N, C-alpha and C. Protein backbone atom coordinates (compact mmCIF):
# COMPACT_ATOMS: atom_id res chain seq x y z
N UNK A 1 -73.16 119.16 -2.20
CA UNK A 1 -73.62 118.23 -3.21
C UNK A 1 -72.44 117.72 -4.01
N UNK A 2 -72.36 116.44 -4.19
CA UNK A 2 -71.26 115.81 -4.93
C UNK A 2 -71.53 115.81 -6.42
N UNK A 3 -70.48 116.02 -7.18
CA UNK A 3 -70.51 115.88 -8.63
C UNK A 3 -69.58 114.72 -8.98
N UNK A 4 -70.03 113.84 -9.88
CA UNK A 4 -69.23 112.68 -10.26
C UNK A 4 -68.95 112.76 -11.76
N UNK A 5 -67.68 112.56 -12.11
CA UNK A 5 -67.23 112.64 -13.50
C UNK A 5 -66.47 111.37 -13.86
N UNK A 6 -66.52 111.02 -15.14
CA UNK A 6 -65.74 109.88 -15.62
C UNK A 6 -65.25 110.16 -17.04
N UNK A 7 -64.36 109.32 -17.52
CA UNK A 7 -63.83 109.49 -18.87
C UNK A 7 -64.89 109.11 -19.89
N UNK A 8 -64.86 109.77 -21.02
CA UNK A 8 -65.84 109.52 -22.07
C UNK A 8 -65.65 108.12 -22.64
N UNK A 9 -66.73 107.50 -23.09
CA UNK A 9 -66.61 106.18 -23.70
C UNK A 9 -65.63 106.16 -24.88
N UNK A 10 -65.64 107.20 -25.69
CA UNK A 10 -64.73 107.23 -26.84
C UNK A 10 -63.27 107.27 -26.39
N UNK A 11 -62.98 107.97 -25.30
CA UNK A 11 -61.61 108.01 -24.78
C UNK A 11 -61.19 106.64 -24.25
N UNK A 12 -62.10 105.95 -23.59
CA UNK A 12 -61.80 104.63 -23.05
C UNK A 12 -61.57 103.63 -24.18
N UNK A 13 -62.44 103.66 -25.20
CA UNK A 13 -62.28 102.75 -26.34
C UNK A 13 -60.94 103.01 -27.03
N UNK A 14 -60.57 104.26 -27.19
CA UNK A 14 -59.28 104.59 -27.81
C UNK A 14 -58.11 104.06 -26.98
N UNK A 15 -58.21 104.16 -25.66
CA UNK A 15 -57.15 103.64 -24.78
C UNK A 15 -57.01 102.13 -24.94
N UNK A 16 -58.14 101.44 -24.91
CA UNK A 16 -58.10 99.98 -25.07
C UNK A 16 -57.57 99.60 -26.45
N UNK A 17 -57.96 100.33 -27.47
CA UNK A 17 -57.50 100.03 -28.82
C UNK A 17 -55.98 100.17 -28.92
N UNK A 18 -55.45 101.23 -28.34
CA UNK A 18 -53.98 101.41 -28.36
C UNK A 18 -53.28 100.26 -27.64
N UNK A 19 -53.84 99.82 -26.54
CA UNK A 19 -53.25 98.71 -25.79
C UNK A 19 -53.28 97.42 -26.60
N UNK A 20 -54.42 97.12 -27.21
CA UNK A 20 -54.55 95.88 -27.98
C UNK A 20 -53.64 95.91 -29.20
N UNK A 21 -53.61 97.02 -29.90
CA UNK A 21 -52.74 97.12 -31.08
C UNK A 21 -51.27 96.98 -30.67
N UNK A 22 -50.88 97.68 -29.61
CA UNK A 22 -49.50 97.59 -29.15
C UNK A 22 -49.10 96.19 -28.73
N UNK A 23 -49.99 95.53 -27.99
CA UNK A 23 -49.70 94.15 -27.58
C UNK A 23 -49.65 93.22 -28.79
N UNK A 24 -50.53 93.44 -29.76
CA UNK A 24 -50.52 92.62 -30.97
C UNK A 24 -49.25 92.80 -31.78
N UNK A 25 -48.79 94.03 -31.90
CA UNK A 25 -47.58 94.31 -32.68
C UNK A 25 -46.34 93.75 -31.99
N UNK A 26 -46.34 93.71 -30.68
CA UNK A 26 -45.15 93.23 -29.97
C UNK A 26 -45.19 91.73 -29.69
N UNK A 27 -46.35 91.24 -29.26
CA UNK A 27 -46.45 89.82 -28.92
C UNK A 27 -46.65 88.93 -30.15
N UNK A 28 -47.29 89.49 -31.19
CA UNK A 28 -47.52 88.72 -32.41
C UNK A 28 -46.24 88.15 -33.01
N UNK A 29 -45.25 88.98 -33.27
CA UNK A 29 -43.99 88.46 -33.82
C UNK A 29 -43.29 87.47 -32.87
N UNK A 30 -43.42 87.70 -31.56
CA UNK A 30 -42.81 86.77 -30.61
C UNK A 30 -43.47 85.40 -30.67
N UNK A 31 -44.78 85.38 -30.86
CA UNK A 31 -45.52 84.12 -30.89
C UNK A 31 -45.42 83.41 -32.24
N UNK A 32 -45.37 84.17 -33.31
CA UNK A 32 -45.44 83.57 -34.65
C UNK A 32 -44.09 83.37 -35.33
N UNK A 33 -43.10 84.12 -34.91
CA UNK A 33 -41.77 84.06 -35.55
C UNK A 33 -40.71 83.66 -34.52
N UNK A 34 -39.55 83.42 -34.99
CA UNK A 34 -38.40 83.18 -34.11
C UNK A 34 -37.38 84.29 -34.35
N UNK A 35 -37.66 85.47 -33.76
CA UNK A 35 -36.76 86.60 -34.01
C UNK A 35 -35.42 86.39 -33.30
N UNK A 36 -34.39 87.07 -33.81
CA UNK A 36 -33.10 87.03 -33.10
C UNK A 36 -33.27 87.50 -31.65
N UNK A 37 -32.37 87.11 -30.80
CA UNK A 37 -32.48 87.40 -29.36
C UNK A 37 -32.65 88.88 -29.07
N UNK A 38 -31.88 89.72 -29.72
CA UNK A 38 -31.96 91.15 -29.41
C UNK A 38 -33.31 91.73 -29.84
N UNK A 39 -33.87 91.26 -30.93
CA UNK A 39 -35.20 91.71 -31.35
C UNK A 39 -36.25 91.18 -30.37
N UNK A 40 -36.07 89.96 -29.90
CA UNK A 40 -36.98 89.40 -28.90
C UNK A 40 -37.00 90.22 -27.63
N UNK A 41 -35.83 90.69 -27.21
CA UNK A 41 -35.75 91.53 -26.01
C UNK A 41 -36.49 92.85 -26.24
N UNK A 42 -36.27 93.46 -27.39
CA UNK A 42 -36.93 94.72 -27.71
C UNK A 42 -38.45 94.52 -27.73
N UNK A 43 -38.91 93.46 -28.37
CA UNK A 43 -40.35 93.19 -28.44
C UNK A 43 -40.93 92.89 -27.05
N UNK A 44 -40.18 92.19 -26.22
CA UNK A 44 -40.65 91.88 -24.86
C UNK A 44 -40.76 93.15 -24.03
N UNK A 45 -39.79 94.02 -24.13
CA UNK A 45 -39.84 95.30 -23.40
C UNK A 45 -41.04 96.11 -23.90
N UNK A 46 -41.23 96.14 -25.22
CA UNK A 46 -42.39 96.84 -25.78
C UNK A 46 -43.69 96.26 -25.28
N UNK A 47 -43.78 94.93 -25.24
CA UNK A 47 -45.00 94.27 -24.74
C UNK A 47 -45.25 94.63 -23.28
N UNK A 48 -44.19 94.69 -22.48
CA UNK A 48 -44.34 95.05 -21.07
C UNK A 48 -44.88 96.47 -20.93
N UNK A 49 -44.39 97.38 -21.76
CA UNK A 49 -44.88 98.76 -21.72
C UNK A 49 -46.35 98.84 -22.12
N UNK A 50 -46.73 98.09 -23.14
CA UNK A 50 -48.13 98.09 -23.55
C UNK A 50 -49.02 97.39 -22.52
N UNK A 51 -48.48 96.45 -21.80
CA UNK A 51 -49.23 95.81 -20.73
C UNK A 51 -49.49 96.82 -19.60
N UNK A 52 -48.48 97.61 -19.27
CA UNK A 52 -48.66 98.68 -18.28
C UNK A 52 -49.72 99.66 -18.77
N UNK A 53 -49.67 99.99 -20.06
CA UNK A 53 -50.67 100.89 -20.65
C UNK A 53 -52.07 100.27 -20.52
N UNK A 54 -52.18 98.97 -20.73
CA UNK A 54 -53.48 98.29 -20.61
C UNK A 54 -54.01 98.38 -19.18
N UNK A 55 -53.14 98.21 -18.19
CA UNK A 55 -53.55 98.32 -16.78
C UNK A 55 -54.01 99.75 -16.49
N UNK A 56 -53.29 100.72 -17.01
CA UNK A 56 -53.68 102.12 -16.83
C UNK A 56 -55.02 102.40 -17.52
N UNK A 57 -55.27 101.74 -18.65
CA UNK A 57 -56.55 101.90 -19.35
C UNK A 57 -57.70 101.35 -18.50
N UNK A 58 -57.48 100.21 -17.87
CA UNK A 58 -58.50 99.64 -16.97
C UNK A 58 -58.73 100.60 -15.80
N UNK A 59 -57.65 101.13 -15.25
CA UNK A 59 -57.77 102.07 -14.13
C UNK A 59 -58.56 103.31 -14.56
N UNK A 60 -58.28 103.81 -15.74
CA UNK A 60 -59.00 104.98 -16.23
C UNK A 60 -60.48 104.65 -16.47
N UNK A 61 -60.75 103.44 -16.95
CA UNK A 61 -62.12 103.01 -17.21
C UNK A 61 -62.93 102.96 -15.92
N UNK A 62 -62.32 102.52 -14.85
CA UNK A 62 -63.02 102.40 -13.56
C UNK A 62 -63.01 103.68 -12.74
N UNK A 63 -62.23 104.68 -13.18
CA UNK A 63 -62.05 105.91 -12.41
C UNK A 63 -63.29 106.78 -12.42
N UNK A 64 -63.60 107.30 -11.26
CA UNK A 64 -64.61 108.34 -11.10
C UNK A 64 -63.98 109.47 -10.29
N UNK A 65 -64.14 110.68 -10.76
CA UNK A 65 -63.68 111.85 -10.02
C UNK A 65 -64.89 112.45 -9.33
N UNK A 66 -64.78 112.62 -8.03
CA UNK A 66 -65.88 113.16 -7.23
C UNK A 66 -65.43 114.49 -6.63
N UNK A 67 -66.24 115.53 -6.88
CA UNK A 67 -66.00 116.85 -6.31
C UNK A 67 -67.13 117.17 -5.34
N UNK A 68 -66.77 117.66 -4.19
CA UNK A 68 -67.79 118.14 -3.25
C UNK A 68 -67.18 119.25 -2.41
N UNK A 69 -67.91 119.71 -1.44
CA UNK A 69 -67.44 120.83 -0.62
C UNK A 69 -66.24 120.49 0.24
N UNK A 70 -65.98 119.20 0.46
CA UNK A 70 -64.86 118.82 1.32
C UNK A 70 -63.56 118.58 0.53
N UNK A 71 -63.68 118.28 -0.78
CA UNK A 71 -62.46 118.04 -1.54
C UNK A 71 -62.72 117.34 -2.86
N UNK A 72 -61.67 116.72 -3.37
CA UNK A 72 -61.71 115.99 -4.63
C UNK A 72 -61.25 114.56 -4.35
N UNK A 73 -61.92 113.61 -4.99
CA UNK A 73 -61.58 112.21 -4.76
C UNK A 73 -61.54 111.48 -6.10
N UNK A 74 -60.52 110.64 -6.25
CA UNK A 74 -60.43 109.74 -7.39
C UNK A 74 -60.82 108.37 -6.89
N UNK A 75 -61.95 107.86 -7.37
CA UNK A 75 -62.42 106.53 -6.97
C UNK A 75 -62.10 105.55 -8.08
N UNK A 76 -61.54 104.43 -7.72
CA UNK A 76 -61.20 103.41 -8.72
C UNK A 76 -60.02 102.59 -8.23
N UNK A 77 -59.27 102.02 -9.17
CA UNK A 77 -58.15 101.14 -8.82
C UNK A 77 -57.09 101.83 -7.97
N UNK A 78 -56.77 103.06 -8.31
CA UNK A 78 -55.73 103.79 -7.59
C UNK A 78 -56.34 105.01 -6.92
N UNK A 79 -57.33 104.80 -6.06
CA UNK A 79 -58.09 105.88 -5.46
C UNK A 79 -57.29 106.74 -4.49
N UNK A 80 -57.57 108.03 -4.54
CA UNK A 80 -56.94 109.01 -3.65
C UNK A 80 -57.99 110.07 -3.34
N UNK A 81 -58.04 110.50 -2.10
CA UNK A 81 -58.92 111.59 -1.71
C UNK A 81 -58.07 112.73 -1.18
N UNK A 82 -58.37 113.94 -1.63
CA UNK A 82 -57.64 115.13 -1.19
C UNK A 82 -58.65 116.15 -0.69
N UNK A 83 -58.55 116.46 0.59
CA UNK A 83 -59.41 117.49 1.18
C UNK A 83 -58.91 118.85 0.69
N UNK A 84 -59.84 119.78 0.51
CA UNK A 84 -59.43 121.10 0.03
C UNK A 84 -58.40 121.73 0.98
N UNK A 85 -58.56 121.52 2.27
CA UNK A 85 -57.62 122.10 3.24
C UNK A 85 -56.25 121.46 3.19
N UNK A 86 -56.13 120.27 2.57
CA UNK A 86 -54.84 119.58 2.47
C UNK A 86 -54.14 119.84 1.14
N UNK A 87 -54.75 120.68 0.31
CA UNK A 87 -54.20 120.98 -1.00
C UNK A 87 -52.81 121.58 -0.89
N UNK A 88 -51.83 121.00 -1.59
CA UNK A 88 -50.46 121.52 -1.56
C UNK A 88 -50.10 122.25 -2.85
N UNK A 89 -50.49 121.66 -3.99
CA UNK A 89 -50.19 122.32 -5.27
C UNK A 89 -51.14 121.84 -6.35
N UNK A 90 -51.26 122.68 -7.35
CA UNK A 90 -52.09 122.39 -8.52
C UNK A 90 -51.28 122.79 -9.75
N UNK A 91 -51.17 121.86 -10.69
CA UNK A 91 -50.48 122.14 -11.95
C UNK A 91 -51.42 121.81 -13.10
N UNK A 92 -51.44 122.68 -14.08
CA UNK A 92 -52.21 122.44 -15.30
C UNK A 92 -51.22 122.48 -16.45
N UNK A 93 -51.00 121.34 -17.08
CA UNK A 93 -50.00 121.21 -18.13
C UNK A 93 -50.65 120.87 -19.46
N UNK A 94 -50.10 121.44 -20.53
CA UNK A 94 -50.59 121.13 -21.88
C UNK A 94 -49.48 120.41 -22.62
N UNK A 95 -49.84 119.30 -23.26
CA UNK A 95 -48.89 118.52 -24.04
C UNK A 95 -49.36 118.49 -25.48
N UNK A 96 -48.56 118.98 -26.37
CA UNK A 96 -48.91 119.04 -27.78
C UNK A 96 -48.36 117.83 -28.53
N UNK A 97 -49.11 117.39 -29.51
CA UNK A 97 -48.63 116.29 -30.35
C UNK A 97 -48.10 116.80 -31.68
N UNK A 98 -48.20 118.10 -31.92
CA UNK A 98 -47.69 118.70 -33.14
C UNK A 98 -46.78 119.87 -32.81
N UNK A 99 -45.88 120.13 -33.68
CA UNK A 99 -44.91 121.19 -33.47
C UNK A 99 -45.57 122.57 -33.35
N UNK A 100 -46.70 122.75 -34.04
CA UNK A 100 -47.37 124.04 -34.00
C UNK A 100 -48.23 124.24 -32.74
N UNK A 101 -48.22 123.26 -31.84
CA UNK A 101 -48.95 123.37 -30.58
C UNK A 101 -50.38 122.88 -30.64
N UNK A 102 -50.78 122.32 -31.76
CA UNK A 102 -52.16 121.84 -31.88
C UNK A 102 -52.26 120.36 -31.52
N UNK A 103 -53.51 119.91 -31.43
CA UNK A 103 -53.81 118.49 -31.22
C UNK A 103 -53.13 117.89 -29.99
N UNK A 104 -53.28 118.55 -28.89
CA UNK A 104 -52.69 118.02 -27.66
C UNK A 104 -53.75 117.72 -26.62
N UNK A 105 -53.31 117.54 -25.40
CA UNK A 105 -54.22 117.30 -24.29
C UNK A 105 -53.69 118.06 -23.08
N UNK A 106 -54.59 118.30 -22.15
CA UNK A 106 -54.25 119.02 -20.93
C UNK A 106 -54.35 118.05 -19.76
N UNK A 107 -53.47 118.23 -18.80
CA UNK A 107 -53.45 117.39 -17.62
C UNK A 107 -53.51 118.27 -16.38
N UNK A 108 -54.38 117.89 -15.45
CA UNK A 108 -54.51 118.56 -14.17
C UNK A 108 -53.91 117.64 -13.11
N UNK A 109 -52.96 118.18 -12.33
CA UNK A 109 -52.34 117.40 -11.26
C UNK A 109 -52.62 118.12 -9.94
N UNK A 110 -53.33 117.43 -9.05
CA UNK A 110 -53.70 117.98 -7.75
C UNK A 110 -52.92 117.18 -6.70
N UNK A 111 -52.16 117.90 -5.84
CA UNK A 111 -51.31 117.22 -4.87
C UNK A 111 -51.64 117.63 -3.44
N UNK A 112 -51.49 116.63 -2.56
CA UNK A 112 -51.53 116.87 -1.12
C UNK A 112 -50.30 116.16 -0.56
N UNK A 113 -50.12 116.21 0.74
CA UNK A 113 -48.99 115.53 1.36
C UNK A 113 -49.14 114.01 1.24
N UNK A 114 -50.37 113.53 1.10
CA UNK A 114 -50.63 112.08 1.08
C UNK A 114 -50.72 111.47 -0.30
N UNK A 115 -50.80 112.27 -1.33
CA UNK A 115 -50.92 111.69 -2.66
C UNK A 115 -51.25 112.73 -3.70
N UNK A 116 -51.48 112.25 -4.93
CA UNK A 116 -51.83 113.16 -6.00
C UNK A 116 -52.86 112.51 -6.91
N UNK A 117 -53.59 113.37 -7.59
CA UNK A 117 -54.59 112.94 -8.55
C UNK A 117 -54.23 113.56 -9.90
N UNK A 118 -54.13 112.72 -10.93
CA UNK A 118 -53.88 113.18 -12.29
C UNK A 118 -55.15 112.99 -13.10
N UNK A 119 -55.55 114.04 -13.79
CA UNK A 119 -56.76 113.99 -14.62
C UNK A 119 -56.40 114.54 -15.99
N UNK A 120 -56.80 113.83 -17.04
CA UNK A 120 -56.56 114.31 -18.40
C UNK A 120 -57.82 114.93 -18.96
N UNK A 121 -57.63 115.76 -19.97
CA UNK A 121 -58.73 116.55 -20.53
C UNK A 121 -59.79 115.72 -21.24
N UNK A 122 -59.59 114.42 -21.42
CA UNK A 122 -60.63 113.58 -22.02
C UNK A 122 -61.71 113.21 -20.99
N UNK A 123 -61.52 113.61 -19.74
CA UNK A 123 -62.53 113.40 -18.71
C UNK A 123 -63.70 114.35 -18.95
N UNK A 124 -64.92 113.84 -18.88
CA UNK A 124 -66.09 114.70 -19.04
C UNK A 124 -66.08 115.76 -17.95
N UNK A 125 -66.34 117.01 -18.34
CA UNK A 125 -66.38 118.10 -17.38
C UNK A 125 -65.02 118.58 -16.93
N UNK A 126 -63.97 118.29 -17.69
CA UNK A 126 -62.61 118.61 -17.29
C UNK A 126 -62.43 120.11 -16.98
N UNK A 127 -62.93 120.98 -17.85
CA UNK A 127 -62.74 122.42 -17.64
C UNK A 127 -63.37 122.88 -16.34
N UNK A 128 -64.55 122.37 -16.03
CA UNK A 128 -65.21 122.73 -14.78
C UNK A 128 -64.46 122.24 -13.56
N UNK A 129 -63.90 121.04 -13.66
CA UNK A 129 -63.10 120.49 -12.57
C UNK A 129 -61.86 121.34 -12.36
N UNK A 130 -61.18 121.67 -13.46
CA UNK A 130 -59.97 122.49 -13.38
C UNK A 130 -60.28 123.85 -12.76
N UNK A 131 -61.40 124.44 -13.16
CA UNK A 131 -61.79 125.74 -12.60
C UNK A 131 -62.04 125.64 -11.10
N UNK A 132 -62.77 124.62 -10.68
CA UNK A 132 -63.08 124.46 -9.25
C UNK A 132 -61.81 124.24 -8.44
N UNK A 133 -60.93 123.36 -8.93
CA UNK A 133 -59.69 123.07 -8.21
C UNK A 133 -58.82 124.33 -8.13
N UNK A 134 -58.73 125.08 -9.22
CA UNK A 134 -57.91 126.30 -9.21
C UNK A 134 -58.46 127.32 -8.22
N UNK A 135 -59.76 127.49 -8.20
CA UNK A 135 -60.36 128.44 -7.25
C UNK A 135 -60.14 128.01 -5.80
N UNK A 136 -60.29 126.71 -5.55
CA UNK A 136 -60.04 126.20 -4.19
C UNK A 136 -58.57 126.42 -3.81
N UNK A 137 -57.69 126.21 -4.76
CA UNK A 137 -56.25 126.41 -4.49
C UNK A 137 -55.96 127.86 -4.16
N UNK A 138 -56.52 128.78 -4.94
CA UNK A 138 -56.29 130.20 -4.69
C UNK A 138 -56.87 130.64 -3.36
N UNK A 139 -58.01 130.10 -2.97
CA UNK A 139 -58.60 130.44 -1.67
C UNK A 139 -57.74 129.97 -0.51
N UNK A 140 -56.92 128.96 -0.77
CA UNK A 140 -56.07 128.39 0.28
C UNK A 140 -54.60 128.79 0.11
N UNK A 141 -54.39 129.84 -0.66
CA UNK A 141 -53.05 130.39 -0.87
C UNK A 141 -52.07 129.41 -1.51
N UNK A 142 -52.57 128.46 -2.29
CA UNK A 142 -51.68 127.59 -3.07
C UNK A 142 -51.24 128.37 -4.30
N UNK A 143 -50.01 128.25 -4.62
CA UNK A 143 -49.44 128.99 -5.74
C UNK A 143 -49.85 128.34 -7.06
N UNK A 144 -50.32 129.13 -8.00
CA UNK A 144 -50.56 128.69 -9.37
C UNK A 144 -49.49 129.36 -10.24
N UNK A 145 -48.65 128.57 -10.87
CA UNK A 145 -47.59 129.17 -11.68
C UNK A 145 -48.17 129.74 -12.98
N UNK A 146 -47.33 130.51 -13.68
CA UNK A 146 -47.77 131.17 -14.90
C UNK A 146 -48.23 130.18 -15.97
N UNK A 147 -47.54 129.06 -16.08
CA UNK A 147 -47.91 128.04 -17.07
C UNK A 147 -49.31 127.51 -16.78
N UNK A 148 -49.60 127.24 -15.51
CA UNK A 148 -50.92 126.74 -15.14
C UNK A 148 -51.99 127.78 -15.43
N UNK A 149 -51.72 129.04 -15.11
CA UNK A 149 -52.69 130.10 -15.38
C UNK A 149 -52.95 130.26 -16.88
N UNK A 150 -51.88 130.18 -17.67
CA UNK A 150 -52.04 130.26 -19.13
C UNK A 150 -52.88 129.11 -19.65
N UNK A 151 -52.60 127.91 -19.16
CA UNK A 151 -53.36 126.74 -19.60
C UNK A 151 -54.81 126.79 -19.13
N UNK A 152 -55.05 127.31 -17.94
CA UNK A 152 -56.42 127.50 -17.47
C UNK A 152 -57.16 128.50 -18.35
N UNK A 153 -56.50 129.59 -18.72
CA UNK A 153 -57.12 130.58 -19.61
C UNK A 153 -57.46 129.95 -20.96
N UNK A 154 -56.57 129.09 -21.46
CA UNK A 154 -56.83 128.41 -22.73
C UNK A 154 -58.05 127.49 -22.64
N UNK A 155 -58.33 126.99 -21.44
CA UNK A 155 -59.51 126.15 -21.22
C UNK A 155 -60.78 126.99 -21.05
N UNK A 156 -60.60 128.31 -21.00
CA UNK A 156 -61.75 129.19 -20.80
C UNK A 156 -62.07 129.44 -19.34
N UNK A 157 -61.12 129.14 -18.47
CA UNK A 157 -61.33 129.33 -17.04
C UNK A 157 -60.90 130.75 -16.67
N UNK A 158 -61.83 131.53 -16.16
CA UNK A 158 -61.56 132.89 -15.74
C UNK A 158 -61.51 132.91 -14.22
N UNK A 159 -60.33 133.16 -13.69
CA UNK A 159 -60.16 133.19 -12.24
C UNK A 159 -60.39 134.58 -11.67
N UNK A 160 -60.63 135.55 -12.53
CA UNK A 160 -60.93 136.91 -12.10
C UNK A 160 -59.81 137.52 -11.29
N UNK A 161 -60.18 138.33 -10.32
CA UNK A 161 -59.21 139.05 -9.49
C UNK A 161 -58.39 138.11 -8.63
N UNK A 162 -58.93 136.92 -8.31
CA UNK A 162 -58.20 135.98 -7.46
C UNK A 162 -56.86 135.59 -8.09
N UNK A 163 -56.83 135.55 -9.42
CA UNK A 163 -55.60 135.13 -10.10
C UNK A 163 -54.53 136.20 -10.05
N UNK A 164 -54.92 137.43 -9.75
CA UNK A 164 -53.94 138.51 -9.73
C UNK A 164 -53.03 138.45 -8.52
N UNK A 165 -53.49 137.81 -7.47
CA UNK A 165 -52.66 137.67 -6.27
C UNK A 165 -52.12 136.25 -6.22
N UNK A 166 -50.84 136.14 -5.99
CA UNK A 166 -50.19 134.84 -5.96
C UNK A 166 -49.35 134.76 -4.69
N UNK A 167 -49.03 133.58 -4.28
CA UNK A 167 -48.21 133.39 -3.10
C UNK A 167 -46.87 132.84 -3.54
N UNK A 168 -45.80 133.54 -3.22
CA UNK A 168 -44.48 133.02 -3.61
C UNK A 168 -44.02 131.97 -2.61
N UNK A 169 -42.91 131.26 -2.91
CA UNK A 169 -42.47 130.16 -2.04
C UNK A 169 -42.21 130.57 -0.59
N UNK A 170 -41.93 131.85 -0.33
CA UNK A 170 -41.68 132.28 1.04
C UNK A 170 -42.99 132.49 1.81
N UNK A 171 -44.14 132.40 1.09
CA UNK A 171 -45.41 132.54 1.76
C UNK A 171 -45.98 133.95 1.70
N UNK A 172 -45.26 134.89 1.06
CA UNK A 172 -45.74 136.27 0.96
C UNK A 172 -46.59 136.43 -0.30
N UNK A 173 -47.62 137.27 -0.19
CA UNK A 173 -48.46 137.54 -1.37
C UNK A 173 -47.69 138.44 -2.32
N UNK A 174 -47.85 138.17 -3.60
CA UNK A 174 -47.27 139.06 -4.61
C UNK A 174 -48.30 139.17 -5.74
N UNK A 175 -48.23 140.26 -6.48
CA UNK A 175 -49.17 140.47 -7.57
C UNK A 175 -48.53 140.06 -8.87
N UNK A 176 -49.32 139.33 -9.67
CA UNK A 176 -48.81 138.82 -10.96
C UNK A 176 -48.79 139.93 -11.98
């Protein structure tokens, strides 16, 4: 049975708002003023970055993550499908916006030889997706590093005894 997940409406609205504000702050002065050349270059580069952000926002808006017994698939502008048997690595990273480690977001990166899928924690059902991907990875002897295990634990994901056995780069099992 397939499960389909998408980003929350509030996360999508926030992404679009950041894009619009950024484009307004950079393109507004270019359109309304005659800034010196070097400031014009800086504003143009900034506008290009916010335009890329806007494209990524559209991609995130159209993205659907599909989980089923055969694998994980990202459907949308930059779609990728990864079969569980093709899983190469799984990383779970936490990025903090404050020095004390609070107010951040978590990112799940699932890789195969053919591509990768990046999912941020603003996706509905993120913890469940991370748990499923981690369990599938462990069943297929994909290595989960200590940082990923710590971040999974912070999400409330309990991998149980499976997490105690890890595969080192040489392919041998080792106990964490």
